[in-house]
Amino acid sequence: MPKMKTRSAAAKRFKTTGTGKIVRHKAYKSHILTKKTTKRKRNLRKATVLDQTNNRQMKRCLPYA
């Protein structure tokens, strides 16, 4: 059986915690920041755990993570 390939786009965007959960960064923080409140921008900085519905797909994209 050959080795599975990791999706490099997913490897750049997602990390795995010690317990096996997948962590992602939030969207909507790149441009047009003047109309967004300071509180909203501050909350967008934090990383979040990936939703359970997308978990199986990301485990396939990151087989060795």
Protein backbone atom coordinates (compact mmCIF):
# COMPACT_ATOMS: atom_id res chain seq x y z
CA MET A 1 0.00 0.00 0.00
CA PRO A 2 1.53 3.35 -0.96
CA LYS A 3 1.75 6.25 1.41
CA MET A 4 -1.12 8.76 1.43
CA LYS A 5 -0.43 12.31 0.36
CA THR A 6 -1.21 15.25 2.61
CA ARG A 7 -3.13 18.11 1.02
CA SER A 8 -0.59 20.93 1.30
CA ALA A 9 -3.30 23.63 1.23
CA ALA A 10 -4.92 22.04 4.29
CA ALA A 11 -1.56 21.57 6.03
CA LYS A 12 -0.91 25.31 5.80
CA ARG A 13 -4.31 26.25 7.25
CA PHE A 14 -5.04 23.65 9.93
CA LYS A 15 -3.13 22.31 12.93
CA THR A 16 -3.83 19.37 15.22
CA THR A 17 -3.94 19.66 19.01
CA GLY A 18 -2.46 17.10 21.36
CA THR A 19 -5.87 15.52 21.90
CA GLY A 20 -6.44 15.15 18.14
CA LYS A 21 -8.79 18.06 17.54
CA ILE A 22 -8.25 20.19 14.44
CA VAL A 23 -7.76 23.94 14.94
CA ARG A 24 -8.46 26.63 12.35
CA HIS A 25 -8.23 30.40 12.12
CA LYS A 26 -11.30 32.55 11.56
CA ALA A 27 -12.14 34.27 8.28
CA TYR A 28 -13.07 37.94 7.54
CA LYS A 29 -9.92 39.48 9.04
CA SER A 30 -7.96 40.37 5.89
CA HIS A 31 -9.41 43.63 4.54
CA ILE A 32 -12.23 46.20 4.94
CA LEU A 33 -11.48 46.41 8.66
CA THR A 34 -12.65 50.00 9.19
CA LYS A 35 -16.33 49.12 9.45
CA LYS A 36 -15.73 46.21 11.81
CA THR A 37 -15.74 46.90 15.53
CA THR A 38 -12.64 46.46 17.67
CA LYS A 39 -14.35 43.69 19.63
CA ARG A 40 -15.19 41.81 16.44
CA LYS A 41 -11.63 42.11 15.09
CA ARG A 42 -10.20 40.98 18.43
CA ASN A 43 -12.42 37.88 18.45
CA LEU A 44 -11.40 37.05 14.88
CA ARG A 45 -7.75 36.76 16.00
CA LYS A 46 -8.42 33.68 18.10
CA ALA A 47 -8.19 30.19 16.67
CA THR A 48 -11.17 27.87 17.01
CA VAL A 49 -11.73 24.12 16.98
CA LEU A 50 -13.07 22.78 13.71
CA ASP A 51 -16.76 21.85 13.64
CA GLN A 52 -17.66 18.17 13.95
CA THR A 53 -19.38 18.12 10.54
CA ASN A 54 -16.09 18.92 8.76
CA ASN A 55 -13.91 16.76 10.97
CA ARG A 56 -13.94 13.58 8.86
CA GLN A 57 -13.12 15.45 5.64
CA MET A 58 -10.14 17.19 7.25
CA LYS A 59 -8.82 13.94 8.73
CA ARG A 60 -8.69 12.60 5.15
CA CYS A 61 -6.86 15.71 3.94
CA LEU A 62 -4.36 15.49 6.82
CA PRO A 63 -3.68 11.76 7.22
CA TYR A 64 -0.47 12.19 9.27
CA ALA A 65 -1.38 15.29 11.30
